[in-house]
Amino acid sequence: MSDNRYFFVNDDKAHEFDEVAALIFAGSLIRDTLIWKEGTPDWIKIKDCHDFDDIFAAYKEEAKELMDKAMGRDKESLENNEMREFLADAEKEESSFEQSGKSWKSYLSHVTILLFVLLGSVALLWGYTLYQNRENSEQKTIVQQKKEELNLNNLRFASGVTKLDSIKGITVKRVARREEDTILREALIAERKEALAKEPKKKKAALKRGLFDKVSDDELVAFRQRLLSRGQRASTHKVKVRGKAALSGDELSSKQVTMTIKRFEGTVRSCYNKSLKNDPHLRGRMEVTIHVLGSGKVVKVVNNTSKFRGGTMDRCVRTTIMKKWKFPKFNGTLSTVTIPFILSRSN
């Protein structure tokens, strides 16, 4: 973490590295913006201040990814276009069959060929997925075997989580009722598994009865009422958050979220440290959405940034937040928190 303080023209406030990085990602600063820090003889353009080379590179990469997606040049859009063209060709071919008066047997043979082509594509995709999973597993084993430790003094980790409120870096909201029901069902199933994990005999019997497979509407209603009644009891008392008293609301407050992140952001720093061993060039903005029950328990973590999905950083962050993060209790059933982490390694 850099100890430098940065100043801008006509702005007497000293800015930390995290804040400057967040402003760059928000598009508030350009490369020609004048900046000064201690040790610099005069004002210089921010593009000449090499502290932010990685941040500008990550911003450019993210902007390109968004532009490609908007223009339909990303991988997913191209694949969709190819599929649409394929289906259009198939429709034209079907039309030509009808116009030419071919028999139904000929038409059926073409459909059979099309099915074989589709099945072949699915088989190739499945094989590629197995190969990728095997590669990731081997890389994880190699990382675990390495005994050398990365010097944390050479690691710049700028989470941005306590500095981005002014540009809407952190969002706290309630999801739609249908999505909430889905998440609560998953949470109730997970709760059952945890309770029965300590009693192998009961767990075996429960598995035979299919208790883990689905949740009835009545069970869902009872689970929601349990969360609400717990929150109502808690609202008659003051909840302690990092030594300060605060009353529980219907959902998590920005202050409660910020203080929770300050308490646990070291776990994300540790994940980044481990991931750098596998990919020294790992950097950029990683946005994570966390679903929190009224009890303060994290029940679901989703990585919203495609470039980090499936990697060591993705798996470590989702697992760590699920197991170690704990939020204050509140009166509602579920709150959804979205947090951007800005990852950058110093030279």
Protein backbone atom coordinates (compact mmCIF):
# COMPACT_ATOMS: atom_id res chain seq x y z
CA MET A 1 0.00 0.00 0.00
CA SER A 2 1.52 3.35 -1.08
CA ASP A 3 2.02 6.06 1.58
CA ASN A 4 1.99 8.85 -1.03
CA ARG A 5 -0.53 11.69 -0.96
CA TYR A 6 -1.61 13.21 -4.27
CA PHE A 7 -2.88 16.72 -5.04
CA PHE A 8 -4.76 18.18 -8.00
CA VAL A 9 -4.84 21.76 -9.32
CA ASN A 10 -7.41 23.94 -7.49
CA ASP A 11 -7.96 21.17 -4.95
CA ASP A 12 -6.27 21.48 -1.55
CA LYS A 13 -7.39 18.03 -0.40
CA ALA A 14 -4.78 15.26 -0.21
CA HIS A 15 -5.90 12.09 -2.00
CA GLU A 16 -4.72 8.55 -1.29
CA PHE A 17 -3.87 6.05 -4.02
CA ASP A 18 -7.22 4.27 -3.55
CA GLU A 19 -9.17 7.45 -4.20
CA VAL A 20 -7.21 8.41 -7.32
CA ALA A 21 -7.58 4.87 -8.69
CA ALA A 22 -11.33 4.96 -8.07
CA LEU A 23 -11.66 8.33 -9.85
CA ILE A 24 -9.76 6.91 -12.86
CA PHE A 25 -12.13 3.93 -13.06
CA ALA A 26 -15.11 6.31 -12.73
CA GLY A 27 -13.85 8.29 -15.74
CA SER A 28 -13.41 11.47 -13.64
CA LEU A 29 -9.69 11.78 -14.49
CA ILE A 30 -7.92 11.74 -17.83
CA ARG A 31 -4.27 11.16 -18.66
CA ASP A 32 -3.57 14.90 -19.08
CA THR A 33 -4.91 15.83 -15.62
CA LEU A 34 -2.20 17.64 -13.63
CA ILE A 35 -1.10 15.99 -10.38
CA TRP A 36 1.59 16.51 -7.75
CA LYS A 37 3.06 14.40 -4.97
CA GLU A 38 5.90 14.88 -2.51
CA GLY A 39 9.25 14.58 -4.26
CA THR A 40 7.91 15.85 -7.60
CA PRO A 41 9.59 19.18 -8.55
CA ASP A 42 6.50 20.54 -10.33
CA TRP A 43 3.00 19.64 -11.52
CA ILE A 44 3.04 16.76 -13.98
CA LYS A 45 0.44 15.03 -16.10
CA ILE A 46 -0.99 11.97 -14.41
CA LYS A 47 0.07 9.84 -17.37
CA ASP A 48 3.69 10.72 -16.47
CA CYS A 49 3.14 9.64 -12.83
CA HIS A 50 3.99 5.95 -13.20
CA ASP A 51 2.23 5.05 -9.94
CA PHE A 52 -0.98 4.70 -11.96
CA ASP A 53 0.28 2.87 -15.06
CA ASP A 54 -1.42 -0.38 -14.01
CA ILE A 55 -4.67 1.43 -13.18
CA PHE A 56 -4.85 3.14 -16.60
CA ALA A 57 -4.01 -0.16 -18.29
CA ALA A 58 -6.78 -1.97 -16.38
CA TYR A 59 -9.23 0.88 -17.12
CA LYS A 60 -8.37 0.68 -20.84
CA GLU A 61 -8.84 -3.10 -20.80
CA GLU A 62 -12.22 -2.84 -19.05
CA ALA A 63 -13.35 -0.05 -21.41
CA LYS A 64 -12.39 -2.18 -24.42
CA GLU A 65 -14.33 -5.13 -23.00
CA LEU A 66 -17.43 -2.96 -22.49
CA MET A 67 -17.09 -1.42 -25.99
CA ASP A 68 -16.74 -4.87 -27.60
CA LYS A 69 -19.85 -5.99 -25.76
CA ALA A 70 -21.79 -2.88 -26.78
CA MET A 71 -20.72 -3.27 -30.43
CA GLY A 72 -21.42 -7.00 -30.39
CA ARG A 73 -17.76 -7.92 -30.91
CA ASP A 74 -17.31 -9.91 -27.69
CA LYS A 75 -17.07 -13.71 -27.74
CA GLU A 76 -20.62 -14.28 -26.49
CA SER A 77 -22.17 -11.94 -29.09
CA LEU A 78 -20.16 -13.50 -31.90
CA GLU A 79 -21.26 -16.98 -30.84
CA ASN A 80 -24.89 -15.82 -30.71
CA ASN A 81 -24.58 -14.29 -34.19
CA GLU A 82 -23.12 -17.53 -35.52
CA MET A 83 -25.99 -19.49 -33.98
CA ARG A 84 -28.57 -17.10 -35.47
CA GLU A 85 -26.95 -17.40 -38.89
CA PHE A 86 -26.91 -21.18 -38.56
CA LEU A 87 -30.60 -21.27 -37.63
CA ALA A 88 -31.43 -18.85 -40.46
CA ASP A 89 -29.61 -21.12 -42.92
CA ALA A 90 -31.50 -24.09 -41.50
CA GLU A 91 -34.82 -22.28 -42.01
CA LYS A 92 -33.88 -21.40 -45.60
CA GLU A 93 -32.92 -24.99 -46.25
CA GLU A 94 -36.18 -26.23 -44.74
CA SER A 95 -38.10 -23.80 -46.95
CA SER A 96 -36.24 -24.99 -50.03
CA PHE A 97 -37.13 -28.58 -49.11
CA GLU A 98 -40.79 -27.70 -48.99
CA GLN A 99 -40.68 -25.73 -52.25
CA SER A 100 -38.87 -28.46 -54.13
CA GLY A 101 -41.44 -31.01 -52.99
CA LYS A 102 -38.97 -33.44 -51.46
CA SER A 103 -40.40 -36.33 -49.53
CA TRP A 104 -40.70 -36.35 -45.72
CA LYS A 105 -38.02 -39.02 -45.58
CA SER A 106 -35.49 -36.67 -47.17
CA TYR A 107 -36.48 -33.91 -44.76
CA LEU A 108 -36.12 -36.31 -41.81
CA SER A 109 -32.64 -37.28 -42.95
CA HIS A 110 -31.54 -33.63 -42.92
CA VAL A 111 -33.01 -33.13 -39.46
CA THR A 112 -31.09 -36.20 -38.30
CA ILE A 113 -27.85 -34.75 -39.70
CA LEU A 114 -28.55 -31.45 -37.94
CA LEU A 115 -29.10 -33.26 -34.65
CA PHE A 116 -25.81 -35.12 -35.07
CA VAL A 117 -24.03 -31.80 -35.70
CA LEU A 118 -25.58 -30.26 -32.58
CA LEU A 119 -24.74 -33.32 -30.47
CA GLY A 120 -21.17 -33.19 -31.77
CA SER A 121 -20.91 -29.52 -30.77
CA VAL A 122 -22.22 -30.32 -27.28
CA ALA A 123 -19.69 -33.17 -26.96
CA LEU A 124 -16.84 -30.86 -28.00
CA LEU A 125 -17.96 -28.22 -25.51
CA TRP A 126 -18.20 -30.81 -22.73
CA GLY A 127 -14.72 -32.10 -23.55
CA TYR A 128 -13.29 -28.59 -23.53
CA THR A 129 -14.92 -27.90 -20.13
CA LEU A 130 -13.38 -31.07 -18.66
CA TYR A 131 -9.98 -30.05 -20.05
CA GLN A 132 -10.25 -26.56 -18.51
CA ASN A 133 -11.28 -27.98 -15.12
CA ARG A 134 -8.31 -30.35 -15.22
CA GLU A 135 -5.95 -27.49 -16.11
CA ASN A 136 -7.29 -25.35 -13.25
CA SER A 137 -6.93 -28.27 -10.83
CA GLU A 138 -3.31 -28.85 -11.89
CA GLN A 139 -2.49 -25.14 -11.58
CA LYS A 140 -3.99 -25.10 -8.08
CA THR A 141 -1.82 -28.08 -7.10
CA ILE A 142 1.29 -26.35 -8.46
CA VAL A 143 0.49 -23.18 -6.49
CA GLN A 144 0.01 -25.17 -3.29
CA GLN A 145 3.39 -26.83 -3.78
CA LYS A 146 5.23 -23.51 -4.01
CA LYS A 147 6.88 -22.68 -0.72
CA GLU A 148 8.05 -19.15 -1.52
CA GLU A 149 5.92 -16.33 -0.07
CA LEU A 150 5.19 -13.09 -1.96
CA ASN A 151 6.48 -10.00 -0.17
CA LEU A 152 3.39 -8.07 0.87
CA ASN A 153 5.41 -4.86 0.89
CA ASN A 154 5.58 -5.14 -2.90
CA LEU A 155 1.84 -5.60 -3.23
CA ARG A 156 -0.47 -2.66 -3.84
CA PHE A 157 -4.05 -3.67 -3.06
CA ALA A 158 -6.62 -0.90 -3.49
CA SER A 159 -10.07 -2.22 -2.60
CA GLY A 160 -11.73 1.15 -3.00
CA VAL A 161 -14.54 -0.09 -0.78
CA THR A 162 -14.34 2.72 1.78
CA LYS A 163 -13.72 5.54 -0.67
CA LEU A 164 -16.27 5.01 -3.46
CA ASP A 165 -19.58 6.04 -1.87
CA SER A 166 -19.51 9.42 -3.62
CA ILE A 167 -19.44 7.75 -7.03
CA LYS A 168 -21.75 4.89 -6.10
CA GLY A 169 -19.00 2.32 -5.72
CA ILE A 170 -20.98 0.33 -3.14
CA THR A 171 -24.68 -0.41 -3.61
CA VAL A 172 -27.12 -1.89 -1.09
CA LYS A 173 -30.53 -2.95 -2.33
CA ARG A 174 -33.33 -5.48 -1.99
CA VAL A 175 -33.84 -7.96 -4.81
CA ALA A 176 -37.18 -8.74 -6.47
CA ARG A 177 -39.48 -11.10 -4.54
CA ARG A 178 -39.04 -13.98 -6.99
CA GLU A 179 -35.24 -13.78 -6.81
CA GLU A 180 -35.43 -13.45 -3.02
CA ASP A 181 -37.55 -16.63 -2.83
CA THR A 182 -34.95 -18.52 -4.89
CA ILE A 183 -32.08 -17.37 -2.66
CA LEU A 184 -34.00 -18.14 0.55
CA ARG A 185 -34.80 -21.65 -0.71
CA GLU A 186 -31.09 -22.24 -1.38
CA ALA A 187 -30.23 -20.86 2.07
CA LEU A 188 -32.75 -23.13 3.80
CA ILE A 189 -31.40 -26.20 2.00
CA ALA A 190 -27.83 -25.24 2.99
CA GLU A 191 -28.96 -24.71 6.60
CA ARG A 192 -30.46 -28.21 6.69
CA LYS A 193 -27.28 -29.75 5.37
CA GLU A 194 -25.19 -27.96 8.01
CA ALA A 195 -27.51 -29.11 10.79
CA LEU A 196 -27.51 -32.73 9.65
CA ALA A 197 -23.78 -32.86 8.90
CA LYS A 198 -23.18 -33.49 12.62
CA GLU A 199 -25.64 -36.41 12.64
CA PRO A 200 -24.64 -38.87 9.87
CA LYS A 201 -27.53 -41.28 10.49
CA LYS A 202 -30.19 -38.58 10.24
CA LYS A 203 -28.43 -37.12 7.23
CA LYS A 204 -28.52 -40.47 5.43
CA ALA A 205 -32.22 -40.86 6.16
CA ALA A 206 -32.93 -37.29 5.04
CA LEU A 207 -31.12 -37.89 1.77
CA LYS A 208 -33.29 -40.95 1.11
CA ARG A 209 -36.42 -38.87 1.67
CA GLY A 210 -35.11 -36.13 -0.66
CA LEU A 211 -35.24 -33.37 1.99
CA PHE A 212 -32.40 -31.51 0.28
CA ASP A 213 -33.96 -31.47 -3.17
CA LYS A 214 -36.73 -28.91 -2.72
CA VAL A 215 -38.46 -26.54 -0.32
CA SER A 216 -42.25 -26.31 -0.10
CA ASP A 217 -44.08 -22.98 -0.13
CA ASP A 218 -45.12 -23.46 3.51
CA GLU A 219 -41.51 -24.09 4.55
CA LEU A 220 -40.41 -20.97 2.68
CA VAL A 221 -43.06 -18.85 4.44
CA ALA A 222 -42.00 -20.23 7.84
CA PHE A 223 -38.33 -19.53 7.09
CA ARG A 224 -39.11 -15.91 6.09
CA GLN A 225 -41.22 -15.39 9.23
CA ARG A 226 -38.38 -16.77 11.35
CA LEU A 227 -35.98 -14.22 9.88
CA LEU A 228 -38.45 -11.36 10.34
CA SER A 229 -39.29 -12.27 13.94
CA ARG A 230 -35.57 -12.48 14.74
CA GLY A 231 -35.11 -9.00 13.29
CA GLN A 232 -38.06 -7.61 15.28
CA ARG A 233 -36.58 -8.93 18.51
CA ALA A 234 -33.20 -7.44 17.62
CA SER A 235 -34.75 -4.02 16.84
CA THR A 236 -35.66 -3.57 20.54
CA HIS A 237 -31.95 -3.60 21.37
CA LYS A 238 -28.98 -1.70 20.04
CA VAL A 239 -26.65 -3.63 17.77
CA LYS A 240 -22.92 -3.13 18.38
CA VAL A 241 -20.91 -2.53 15.23
CA ARG A 242 -17.17 -2.19 15.83
CA GLY A 243 -17.76 -0.79 19.31
CA LYS A 244 -20.46 1.69 18.18
CA ALA A 245 -24.17 1.26 18.80
CA ALA A 246 -26.59 1.31 15.85
CA LEU A 247 -30.24 0.32 15.49
CA SER A 248 -31.11 -2.40 12.97
CA GLY A 249 -33.12 -1.28 9.92
CA ASP A 250 -35.16 -3.14 7.31
CA GLU A 251 -31.93 -3.69 5.37
CA LEU A 252 -28.21 -3.18 5.81
CA SER A 253 -27.05 0.44 5.92
CA SER A 254 -24.07 1.74 3.92
CA LYS A 255 -22.28 2.43 7.21
CA GLN A 256 -22.73 -1.16 8.41
CA VAL A 257 -21.52 -2.50 5.08
CA THR A 258 -18.47 -0.20 5.04
CA MET A 259 -17.46 -1.17 8.57
CA THR A 260 -17.89 -4.87 7.77
CA ILE A 261 -15.70 -4.52 4.69
CA LYS A 262 -13.01 -2.71 6.69
CA ARG A 263 -13.04 -5.60 9.14
CA PHE A 264 -12.72 -8.36 6.53
CA GLU A 265 -11.00 -6.77 3.53
CA GLY A 266 -7.75 -8.43 4.62
CA THR A 267 -9.25 -11.75 3.52
CA VAL A 268 -9.64 -10.42 -0.03
CA ARG A 269 -6.09 -9.06 0.12
CA SER A 270 -4.93 -12.59 1.03
CA CYS A 271 -6.81 -14.05 -1.96
CA TYR A 272 -5.13 -11.52 -4.27
CA ASN A 273 -1.74 -12.41 -2.80
CA LYS A 274 -2.31 -16.12 -3.51
CA SER A 275 -3.64 -15.42 -7.01
CA LEU A 276 -0.57 -13.36 -7.95
CA LYS A 277 1.57 -16.46 -7.50
CA ASN A 278 -0.41 -18.10 -10.28
CA ASP A 279 -0.80 -14.96 -12.45
CA PRO A 280 1.67 -12.12 -11.68
CA HIS A 281 -0.16 -9.83 -14.14
CA LEU A 282 -3.58 -10.13 -12.46
CA ARG A 283 -5.20 -6.70 -12.12
CA GLY A 284 -8.38 -4.74 -12.78
CA ARG A 285 -11.81 -4.14 -11.25
CA MET A 286 -13.59 -7.15 -9.74
CA GLU A 287 -17.24 -6.56 -8.81
CA VAL A 288 -18.83 -8.96 -6.31
CA THR A 289 -22.49 -9.21 -5.24
CA ILE A 290 -23.18 -10.60 -1.74
CA HIS A 291 -26.61 -11.77 -0.52
CA VAL A 292 -27.02 -11.42 3.27
CA LEU A 293 -29.80 -12.81 5.47
CA GLY A 294 -31.39 -10.73 8.23
CA SER A 295 -29.28 -12.72 10.67
CA GLY A 296 -26.15 -11.23 9.09
CA LYS A 297 -25.12 -14.51 7.49
CA VAL A 298 -23.82 -14.53 3.91
CA VAL A 299 -25.78 -17.09 1.87
CA LYS A 300 -24.68 -16.40 -1.69
CA VAL A 301 -21.74 -14.68 -3.44
CA VAL A 302 -21.71 -13.88 -7.18
CA ASN A 303 -18.73 -12.60 -9.18
CA ASN A 304 -20.08 -10.12 -11.76
CA THR A 305 -16.78 -9.66 -13.66
CA SER A 306 -16.35 -12.22 -16.43
CA LYS A 307 -12.55 -11.86 -16.74
CA PHE A 308 -12.07 -13.21 -13.19
CA ARG A 309 -14.59 -16.08 -13.35
CA GLY A 310 -13.25 -19.60 -12.93
CA GLY A 311 -9.81 -18.48 -11.72
CA THR A 312 -8.04 -18.75 -8.38
CA MET A 313 -9.12 -15.23 -7.36
CA ASP A 314 -12.78 -15.97 -8.12
CA ARG A 315 -12.88 -19.24 -6.15
CA CYS A 316 -10.94 -17.84 -3.18
CA VAL A 317 -13.02 -14.65 -2.84
CA ARG A 318 -16.40 -16.41 -3.09
CA THR A 319 -15.39 -19.16 -0.63
CA THR A 320 -13.78 -16.73 1.84
CA ILE A 321 -16.72 -14.31 1.91
CA MET A 322 -19.19 -17.19 2.38
CA LYS A 323 -17.25 -18.73 5.27
CA LYS A 324 -15.65 -15.77 7.08
CA TRP A 325 -17.67 -12.59 6.48
CA LYS A 326 -20.38 -11.70 9.00
CA PHE A 327 -22.65 -8.64 8.72
CA PRO A 328 -24.74 -6.96 11.47
CA LYS A 329 -28.31 -8.20 11.99
CA PHE A 330 -31.21 -6.21 10.51
CA ASN A 331 -35.02 -6.44 10.50
CA GLY A 332 -35.52 -7.59 6.90
CA THR A 333 -35.12 -11.00 5.30
CA LEU A 334 -32.43 -10.34 2.69
CA SER A 335 -30.11 -7.51 1.61
CA THR A 336 -27.95 -7.50 -1.51
CA VAL A 337 -24.59 -5.72 -1.43
CA THR A 338 -22.48 -5.05 -4.53
CA ILE A 339 -18.81 -4.15 -3.94
CA PRO A 340 -16.09 -3.22 -6.47
CA PHE A 341 -12.53 -4.30 -5.64
CA ILE A 342 -9.76 -2.53 -7.59
CA LEU A 343 -6.74 -4.84 -7.84
CA SER A 344 -3.32 -3.44 -8.68
CA ARG A 345 0.18 -4.68 -7.95
CA SER A 346 3.07 -2.22 -7.50
CA ASN A 347 6.38 -2.80 -9.28
